[in-house]
Amino acid sequence: MFVVLTAFCKNGFYYNNAKHPGRFLTVYVVGILLVVLNVFLIDKLWLFLPLAVTLVLFSGLQTGIVSYLLLLYLQMMLTGADPVVFFAYVCIGIIGIALFSYLDIDFVFGVPLFTGLVLVFAALLTMEFALSGHLQFDAFLYVAINIFVSFLLLTFVLKYVSYHILHKDRDKYQEINDPEFALLTELKNTSQRAYYHAVHTAYFSEKLARKIGADEMLAKAGGYYHKIGKMRGTNNLKNALEIAKEYHFPPQLVQLLKEYGGKNTVLRSKEAAIVVLADAMVSSVMFLFEKDKNAVLDYEQIVSVVFKKQIGSGLLDHCELTMDQLRQIRTMFMEETLYYDFLR
C-alpha cells in the first residue's frame, strides 16, 4: 500500500494509469486468482511472464516490481516450491519488466516480445535441469505450452494498451492537428500573427518531441493551441480550457494547457516543456525580425539566451526532461538555421 500510494503521489504510474486505479486493481486481483490456479498446475506452466508485464504496464516500474514479487512469494507459500523455482521466476519477472517498461510512444513491441519469450524458454529449461539434472520430452512440451499461452496473453495485453489506452485519442489528434481544422482556420482569420506563431511553434514542438522520444502528436497540438485563449479575447487559462472543452480536446492536451498556462502549475511533462521552449524560441526570433526584417541573426546566441532564461526561471526544475534531452533540444534549435527564414 505504501508503494502504491507513493506512486500516486509521485506520478510513478505509466500511461495515465494514476487516473484509472481500477486498471491496476483488476490486474492485481487477476494475479491472485492466477496464483490460486497455479496450485493445481506444475511449475513449468505458471504464467508469470504475462503477469509481470501486465502489472508494470497498468501501474509503474516500482509498483509493478513490488506487486509481482509479493504475488510470487504467495505462490511459493501456497505450493512449497523449491527455491530454484522462486529464483527462476524472479529472473522471468525481471526479463519481462526490463523489456516492456520502457516502450516508446510508437509502442513497437515485436522485438521485446520475441526476446522475452526466448529468454523465458531458456530460464524454464534451466530451472528444470537444475531441479532434475536432465531434460525430458515432457519438460520441453510443458515449456512450449507456457511460451505459446504467454505469447497469446502478452499480444492481447500489449494490443489493448496500445489501442485502448495509449493511442485511443490518435484520431482526435489527427483531426485537431490538421492545418485546415476549423479552430485553426478561425485563429488565422482572427490574427495572422497568432496563427503563424502557432504553426511555427507546432513545427518545432513536433520535431523536438520526435527527437527525444516524446509524444509528438501531443506536442504538436500543444504548439498549435498553447495560446488559444486569445480566441475568447484574452490569452488566459480559463478561456483556453473553455475552448478545449468545446472542441473535446484529449485529456493529455488539456493537462498540457494547464501546465503551460496555469499561474501556480508546475511543468511536469516533456511535451509541456517542449512547447514552452519552442514558444520562447519562436517568439524571440519573430520579435527580432519584426524589428528588422532583413536582420542577420546570431541563432546560437538566441538559443543560449532562451535556454538561460527558461532554466534560470526554475520553470523546468520539475519536468521529466533529462539533461541529455535538453542538450538534444538545444542542438536541434541551433541546427534549424534555414527554417528560421520562414519567421521573417
Protein backbone atom coordinates (compact mmCIF):
# COMPACT_ATOMS: atom_id res chain seq x y z
CA MET A 1 0.00 0.00 0.00
CA PHE A 2 2.86 2.36 0.76
CA VAL A 3 4.42 1.75 -2.66
CA VAL A 4 1.10 2.24 -4.46
CA LEU A 5 0.28 5.46 -2.59
CA THR A 6 3.80 6.78 -3.17
CA ALA A 7 3.43 6.08 -6.90
CA PHE A 8 0.15 8.03 -6.94
CA CYS A 9 1.74 10.98 -5.17
CA LYS A 10 5.00 10.97 -7.18
CA ASN A 11 3.44 10.41 -10.61
CA GLY A 12 5.01 6.95 -10.79
CA PHE A 13 2.31 5.38 -12.95
CA TYR A 14 2.66 4.88 -16.71
CA TYR A 15 0.15 5.79 -19.44
CA ASN A 16 -2.15 7.93 -17.30
CA ASN A 17 -2.92 4.90 -15.08
CA ALA A 18 -2.94 7.06 -11.94
CA LYS A 19 -6.29 8.45 -13.06
CA HIS A 20 -7.63 4.92 -13.53
CA PRO A 21 -6.61 2.95 -10.41
CA GLY A 22 -9.18 0.29 -11.28
CA ARG A 23 -6.86 -0.96 -14.02
CA PHE A 24 -4.09 -1.93 -11.60
CA LEU A 25 -6.54 -3.26 -9.01
CA THR A 26 -8.17 -5.51 -11.62
CA VAL A 27 -4.81 -6.87 -12.77
CA TYR A 28 -3.72 -7.50 -9.18
CA VAL A 29 -6.94 -9.42 -8.39
CA VAL A 30 -6.43 -11.47 -11.56
CA GLY A 31 -2.88 -12.13 -10.35
CA ILE A 32 -4.21 -13.51 -7.04
CA LEU A 33 -6.61 -15.77 -8.94
CA LEU A 34 -3.71 -16.93 -11.12
CA VAL A 35 -1.70 -17.77 -8.00
CA VAL A 36 -4.61 -19.90 -6.74
CA LEU A 37 -4.95 -21.63 -10.12
CA ASN A 38 -1.22 -22.37 -10.25
CA VAL A 39 -1.57 -24.53 -7.13
CA PHE A 40 -3.17 -27.17 -9.39
CA LEU A 41 -0.52 -26.85 -12.15
CA ILE A 42 3.10 -27.92 -12.40
CA ASP A 43 5.61 -25.09 -12.01
CA LYS A 44 6.61 -25.10 -15.69
CA LEU A 45 3.09 -23.97 -16.62
CA TRP A 46 2.97 -20.90 -14.38
CA LEU A 47 2.23 -17.82 -16.49
CA PHE A 48 4.29 -15.29 -14.59
CA LEU A 49 5.79 -13.50 -17.60
CA PRO A 50 2.44 -12.04 -18.76
CA LEU A 51 1.62 -11.23 -15.13
CA ALA A 52 4.86 -9.28 -14.59
CA VAL A 53 4.46 -7.31 -17.83
CA THR A 54 0.79 -6.51 -17.21
CA LEU A 55 1.42 -5.37 -13.64
CA VAL A 56 4.07 -2.92 -14.82
CA LEU A 57 2.09 -1.60 -17.81
CA PHE A 58 -1.01 -0.97 -15.69
CA SER A 59 0.90 0.70 -12.87
CA GLY A 60 4.56 1.71 -12.98
CA LEU A 61 8.05 0.33 -12.52
CA GLN A 62 8.28 0.36 -8.72
CA THR A 63 4.70 -0.73 -8.11
CA GLY A 64 4.95 -3.45 -10.75
CA ILE A 65 8.11 -4.95 -9.26
CA VAL A 66 6.85 -4.97 -5.67
CA SER A 67 3.42 -6.39 -6.55
CA TYR A 68 4.97 -9.07 -8.76
CA LEU A 69 7.39 -10.20 -6.06
CA LEU A 70 4.59 -10.29 -3.48
CA LEU A 71 2.42 -12.49 -5.71
CA LEU A 72 5.37 -14.74 -6.46
CA TYR A 73 6.10 -15.04 -2.73
CA LEU A 74 2.46 -16.00 -2.10
CA GLN A 75 2.81 -18.65 -4.81
CA MET A 76 5.82 -20.13 -3.06
CA MET A 77 3.98 -20.15 0.27
CA LEU A 78 0.99 -21.98 -1.22
CA THR A 79 2.95 -24.58 -3.17
CA GLY A 80 6.11 -25.00 -1.09
CA ALA A 81 8.12 -24.96 -4.32
CA ASP A 82 11.90 -25.33 -4.39
CA PRO A 83 13.95 -22.08 -4.04
CA VAL A 84 15.26 -22.77 -7.55
CA VAL A 85 11.73 -22.24 -8.86
CA PHE A 86 11.45 -18.96 -6.96
CA PHE A 87 14.77 -17.75 -8.38
CA ALA A 88 13.79 -18.78 -11.93
CA TYR A 89 10.53 -16.84 -11.80
CA VAL A 90 12.25 -13.83 -10.25
CA CYS A 91 14.50 -13.85 -13.33
CA ILE A 92 11.48 -14.25 -15.61
CA GLY A 93 9.78 -11.28 -13.94
CA ILE A 94 12.90 -9.17 -14.33
CA ILE A 95 13.09 -10.13 -18.00
CA GLY A 96 9.51 -9.03 -18.63
CA ILE A 97 9.79 -5.82 -16.62
CA ALA A 98 13.11 -4.84 -18.20
CA LEU A 99 11.90 -5.41 -21.76
CA PHE A 100 8.44 -3.84 -21.52
CA SER A 101 8.71 -0.99 -19.03
CA TYR A 102 10.39 1.46 -21.44
CA LEU A 103 8.39 1.13 -24.66
CA ASP A 104 8.41 4.30 -26.75
CA ILE A 105 5.37 6.22 -27.88
CA ASP A 106 5.01 4.11 -31.05
CA PHE A 107 4.65 1.07 -28.79
CA VAL A 108 6.62 -1.25 -31.10
CA PHE A 109 6.80 -4.48 -29.10
CA GLY A 110 7.70 -7.21 -31.62
CA VAL A 111 11.39 -7.46 -30.73
CA PRO A 112 10.90 -7.23 -26.93
CA LEU A 113 8.16 -9.87 -27.14
CA PHE A 114 10.28 -12.32 -29.14
CA THR A 115 13.34 -11.70 -26.96
CA GLY A 116 11.34 -12.14 -23.76
CA LEU A 117 9.81 -15.45 -24.87
CA VAL A 118 13.19 -16.85 -25.92
CA LEU A 119 14.77 -15.89 -22.59
CA VAL A 120 11.85 -17.33 -20.64
CA PHE A 121 12.14 -20.58 -22.62
CA ALA A 122 15.80 -20.78 -21.62
CA ALA A 123 15.05 -19.88 -17.98
CA LEU A 124 12.38 -22.58 -17.59
CA LEU A 125 14.57 -25.27 -19.14
CA THR A 126 17.46 -24.20 -16.92
CA MET A 127 15.15 -24.45 -13.92
CA GLU A 128 14.09 -27.96 -14.91
CA PHE A 129 17.69 -29.06 -15.39
CA ALA A 130 18.70 -27.60 -12.02
CA LEU A 131 15.86 -29.49 -10.32
CA SER A 132 16.12 -32.90 -12.01
CA GLY A 133 19.60 -32.99 -13.56
CA HIS A 134 18.24 -33.86 -17.02
CA LEU A 135 15.73 -32.71 -19.63
CA GLN A 136 12.96 -34.97 -20.89
CA PHE A 137 10.49 -34.51 -23.72
CA ASP A 138 7.61 -33.63 -21.40
CA ALA A 139 9.68 -30.75 -19.98
CA PHE A 140 10.06 -29.27 -23.48
CA LEU A 141 6.35 -29.83 -24.09
CA TYR A 142 5.23 -28.04 -20.91
CA VAL A 143 7.62 -25.15 -21.51
CA ALA A 144 6.44 -24.84 -25.11
CA ILE A 145 2.82 -24.67 -23.88
CA ASN A 146 3.81 -21.96 -21.39
CA ILE A 147 5.55 -19.94 -24.10
CA PHE A 148 2.62 -20.28 -26.52
CA VAL A 149 -0.01 -19.21 -23.98
CA SER A 150 2.27 -16.38 -22.76
CA PHE A 151 2.61 -15.19 -26.36
CA LEU A 152 -1.18 -15.07 -26.80
CA LEU A 153 -1.78 -13.30 -23.49
CA LEU A 154 1.04 -10.78 -23.97
CA THR A 155 -0.07 -9.96 -27.51
CA PHE A 156 -3.61 -9.32 -26.26
CA VAL A 157 -2.43 -7.14 -23.35
CA LEU A 158 0.01 -5.13 -25.46
CA LYS A 159 -2.55 -4.56 -28.21
CA TYR A 160 -5.09 -3.47 -25.63
CA VAL A 161 -2.68 -0.98 -24.05
CA SER A 162 -1.68 0.36 -27.44
CA TYR A 163 -5.14 0.81 -28.97
CA HIS A 164 -7.36 1.47 -25.95
CA ILE A 165 -5.06 3.38 -23.60
CA LEU A 166 -2.01 4.85 -25.29
CA HIS A 167 -3.43 5.68 -28.71
CA LYS A 168 -7.16 5.94 -28.06
CA ASP A 169 -7.02 9.67 -28.89
CA ARG A 170 -4.91 9.29 -32.05
CA ASP A 171 -7.82 10.05 -34.38
CA LYS A 172 -8.68 13.16 -32.38
CA TYR A 173 -5.09 14.39 -32.57
CA GLN A 174 -5.03 13.83 -36.32
CA GLU A 175 -8.19 15.91 -36.59
CA ILE A 176 -7.07 18.87 -34.47
CA ASN A 177 -3.52 18.82 -35.88
CA ASP A 178 -4.84 19.28 -39.41
CA PRO A 179 -3.95 22.83 -40.58
CA GLU A 180 -7.46 23.03 -42.06
CA PHE A 181 -9.13 22.26 -38.71
CA ALA A 182 -11.95 24.73 -38.03
CA LEU A 183 -10.36 26.17 -34.88
CA LEU A 184 -7.06 26.88 -36.65
CA THR A 185 -8.90 28.41 -39.58
CA GLU A 186 -10.77 30.65 -37.15
CA LEU A 187 -7.49 31.61 -35.49
CA LYS A 188 -6.00 32.51 -38.87
CA ASN A 189 -8.96 34.74 -39.68
CA THR A 190 -8.74 36.39 -36.26
CA SER A 191 -5.00 37.04 -36.14
CA GLN A 192 -2.49 36.20 -38.86
CA ARG A 193 0.40 36.74 -36.47
CA ALA A 194 -1.03 34.42 -33.79
CA TYR A 195 -1.75 31.80 -36.43
CA TYR A 196 1.77 31.77 -37.87
CA HIS A 197 3.25 31.81 -34.38
CA ALA A 198 1.18 28.70 -33.61
CA VAL A 199 2.23 26.99 -36.84
CA HIS A 200 5.94 27.57 -36.22
CA THR A 201 5.67 26.53 -32.58
CA ALA A 202 3.86 23.34 -33.61
CA TYR A 203 6.58 22.59 -36.17
CA PHE A 204 9.35 22.84 -33.60
CA SER A 205 7.34 21.03 -30.91
CA GLU A 206 6.64 18.04 -33.13
CA LYS A 207 10.24 17.81 -34.33
CA LEU A 208 11.68 18.14 -30.83
CA ALA A 209 9.31 15.51 -29.45
CA ARG A 210 10.31 13.09 -32.19
CA LYS A 211 13.97 13.80 -31.46
CA ILE A 212 13.79 12.84 -27.77
CA GLY A 213 11.09 10.15 -28.00
CA ALA A 214 8.20 12.14 -26.51
CA ASP A 215 4.59 12.16 -27.76
CA GLU A 216 4.93 14.15 -30.97
CA MET A 217 1.19 14.35 -31.67
CA LEU A 218 0.54 15.81 -28.22
CA ALA A 219 3.48 18.20 -28.52
CA LYS A 220 2.34 19.38 -31.95
CA ALA A 221 -1.18 20.00 -30.67
CA GLY A 222 0.31 21.89 -27.72
CA GLY A 223 2.24 24.05 -30.17
CA TYR A 224 -0.92 24.86 -32.11
CA TYR A 225 -3.16 25.62 -29.15
CA HIS A 226 -0.94 26.82 -26.28
CA LYS A 227 -2.25 30.38 -26.73
CA ILE A 228 -5.71 29.53 -27.99
CA GLY A 229 -7.27 31.60 -25.20
CA LYS A 230 -6.84 34.60 -27.49
CA MET A 231 -9.86 33.35 -29.41
CA ARG A 232 -12.00 34.49 -26.48
CA GLY A 233 -10.33 37.88 -26.12
CA THR A 234 -7.62 37.24 -23.51
CA ASN A 235 -4.98 34.50 -23.58
CA ASN A 236 -5.70 33.05 -20.15
CA LEU A 237 -6.19 29.52 -18.89
CA LYS A 238 -9.92 29.90 -18.30
CA ASN A 239 -10.57 30.83 -21.93
CA ALA A 240 -8.23 28.11 -23.18
CA LEU A 241 -10.00 25.42 -21.13
CA GLU A 242 -13.41 26.60 -22.31
CA ILE A 243 -12.29 26.17 -25.92
CA ALA A 244 -10.69 22.80 -25.09
CA LYS A 245 -13.99 21.59 -23.63
CA GLU A 246 -15.97 22.93 -26.58
CA TYR A 247 -13.78 21.10 -29.11
CA HIS A 248 -13.36 17.96 -26.97
CA PHE A 249 -9.59 18.10 -26.63
CA PRO A 250 -7.95 14.87 -25.33
CA PRO A 251 -7.21 14.84 -21.57
CA GLN A 252 -3.43 14.93 -22.09
CA LEU A 253 -3.72 18.10 -24.17
CA VAL A 254 -5.95 19.71 -21.54
CA GLN A 255 -3.32 18.88 -18.92
CA LEU A 256 -0.61 20.38 -21.13
CA LEU A 257 -2.62 23.60 -21.43
CA LYS A 258 -2.96 23.69 -17.64
CA GLU A 259 0.79 23.22 -17.15
CA TYR A 260 1.57 25.87 -19.74
CA GLY A 261 -0.96 28.48 -18.71
CA GLY A 262 -1.58 27.89 -15.02
CA LYS A 263 -0.11 30.52 -12.69
CA ASN A 264 0.58 28.05 -9.87
CA THR A 265 1.08 24.95 -12.03
CA VAL A 266 4.45 23.21 -12.30
CA LEU A 267 5.68 21.90 -15.64
CA ARG A 268 5.76 18.11 -15.43
CA SER A 269 5.51 16.52 -18.85
CA LYS A 270 8.19 16.55 -21.51
CA GLU A 271 5.66 17.75 -24.04
CA ALA A 272 4.67 20.82 -22.00
CA ALA A 273 8.35 21.72 -21.51
CA ILE A 274 8.97 21.30 -25.25
CA VAL A 275 6.09 23.67 -26.08
CA VAL A 276 7.44 26.25 -23.62
CA LEU A 277 10.92 26.13 -25.20
CA ALA A 278 9.58 26.15 -28.77
CA ASP A 279 7.26 29.07 -27.96
CA ALA A 280 10.12 31.05 -26.40
CA MET A 281 12.40 30.43 -29.38
CA VAL A 282 9.76 31.32 -32.00
CA SER A 283 8.71 34.43 -30.06
CA SER A 284 12.31 35.65 -29.81
CA VAL A 285 13.11 35.17 -33.49
CA MET A 286 9.80 36.66 -34.70
CA PHE A 287 10.27 39.68 -32.43
CA LEU A 288 13.75 40.38 -33.81
CA PHE A 289 12.57 40.02 -37.41
CA GLU A 290 9.67 42.37 -36.74
CA LYS A 291 12.18 45.00 -35.64
CA ASP A 292 14.30 44.49 -38.76
CA LYS A 293 13.05 42.14 -41.47
CA ASN A 294 16.50 41.96 -43.09
CA ALA A 295 18.43 41.36 -39.90
CA VAL A 296 21.17 38.73 -39.81
CA LEU A 297 20.63 36.97 -36.52
CA ASP A 298 23.04 35.02 -34.37
CA TYR A 299 20.85 31.97 -33.71
CA GLU A 300 23.38 30.36 -31.41
CA GLN A 301 23.27 33.40 -29.16
CA ILE A 302 19.45 33.49 -29.25
CA VAL A 303 19.29 29.82 -28.25
CA SER A 304 21.71 30.45 -25.39
CA VAL A 305 19.67 33.39 -24.11
CA VAL A 306 16.37 31.46 -24.36
CA PHE A 307 17.75 28.44 -22.50
CA LYS A 308 19.46 30.55 -19.86
CA LYS A 309 16.22 32.41 -19.20
CA GLN A 310 13.99 29.33 -19.09
CA ILE A 311 16.34 27.25 -16.94
CA GLY A 312 17.17 30.17 -14.68
CA SER A 313 13.49 30.85 -14.03
CA GLY A 314 13.14 27.41 -12.43
CA LEU A 315 10.27 26.59 -14.79
CA LEU A 316 11.92 23.34 -15.90
CA ASP A 317 13.06 22.19 -12.45
CA HIS A 318 10.33 19.58 -12.02
CA CYS A 319 9.71 18.44 -15.58
CA GLU A 320 10.57 14.99 -16.92
CA LEU A 321 13.23 16.23 -19.34
CA THR A 322 16.72 14.89 -18.66
CA MET A 323 19.87 16.94 -19.10
CA ASP A 324 20.74 14.89 -22.19
CA GLN A 325 17.33 15.61 -23.71
CA LEU A 326 17.76 19.32 -23.01
CA ARG A 327 21.11 19.14 -24.77
CA GLN A 328 19.47 17.45 -27.79
CA ILE A 329 16.78 20.14 -27.90
CA ARG A 330 19.35 22.90 -27.72
CA THR A 331 21.38 21.30 -30.52
CA MET A 332 18.33 20.96 -32.75
CA PHE A 333 17.43 24.63 -32.31
CA MET A 334 20.94 25.56 -33.44
CA GLU A 335 20.68 23.30 -36.50
CA GLU A 336 17.42 24.84 -37.75
CA THR A 337 19.03 27.95 -39.23
CA LEU A 338 17.36 27.54 -42.64
CA TYR A 339 13.88 27.22 -41.17
CA TYR A 340 14.15 30.49 -39.24
CA ASP A 341 13.89 32.38 -42.51
CA PHE A 342 10.20 31.39 -42.62
CA LEU A 343 9.73 33.51 -39.48
CA ARG A 344 10.68 36.76 -41.23
